[in-house]
Amino acid sequence: MKKLFSFLISVLCLLPAVASAQTAGRGTPGADISGLYSFLHEGESLQLNLDHGKLSGWVSSFGFLDSDKDILLDRFFEKASLQGTRVYFLSRRIHGCWVEFSGRIDRGEGRLRGQEGYYVLVGTLTQYTSDADVKVSARKREVMLKSAFDPGIAENNR
């Protein structure tokens, strides 16, 4: 009975080390978060560029209004920041519309850098629209935006 008890204690003590080893390869994102990410709809994307700790980029998305819903527009960041894993950006206005994101960047399900979903942005995306009377409406939603497959990086990981 004593041996069984000792065995159980030793197994229980090892569990945290096993769990830590399993997640070690999926730690916090590093300085390599630059790249293309999925956006809300097919054909839309988000580009993040991290250069010397400074975040920049743009959102390529279809217009929010009936007049531009079939036009792919690039909304460059007006403000952007990365503090640890916290990500924030606010795009410039185009046709009276802009986007704002506040959230975090995490390691995703992709096993190797360059695979789809290696990183994910998780947070709140707000789409703003102003009308002719400059009345602003906002639409908030929780999103998860995955890093896109990058054949150049994926090839280097082989």
Foldseek 3Di string as FASTA:
>chain_A
DVVVVVVVVVVVVCVVVVVCVVCVLFDFDDQPPFAWKDDDDPPKIWGWDADPQAIWTWTFAFDPDPVTNPPTDTFTWPDWHQDRFWTWTWTDDDQQKTKIWTFGKGQADDNFPQAKQRIKTWTKMKIWGADPVRDIDIDIDTDIMIGHHHVVRVVVVD
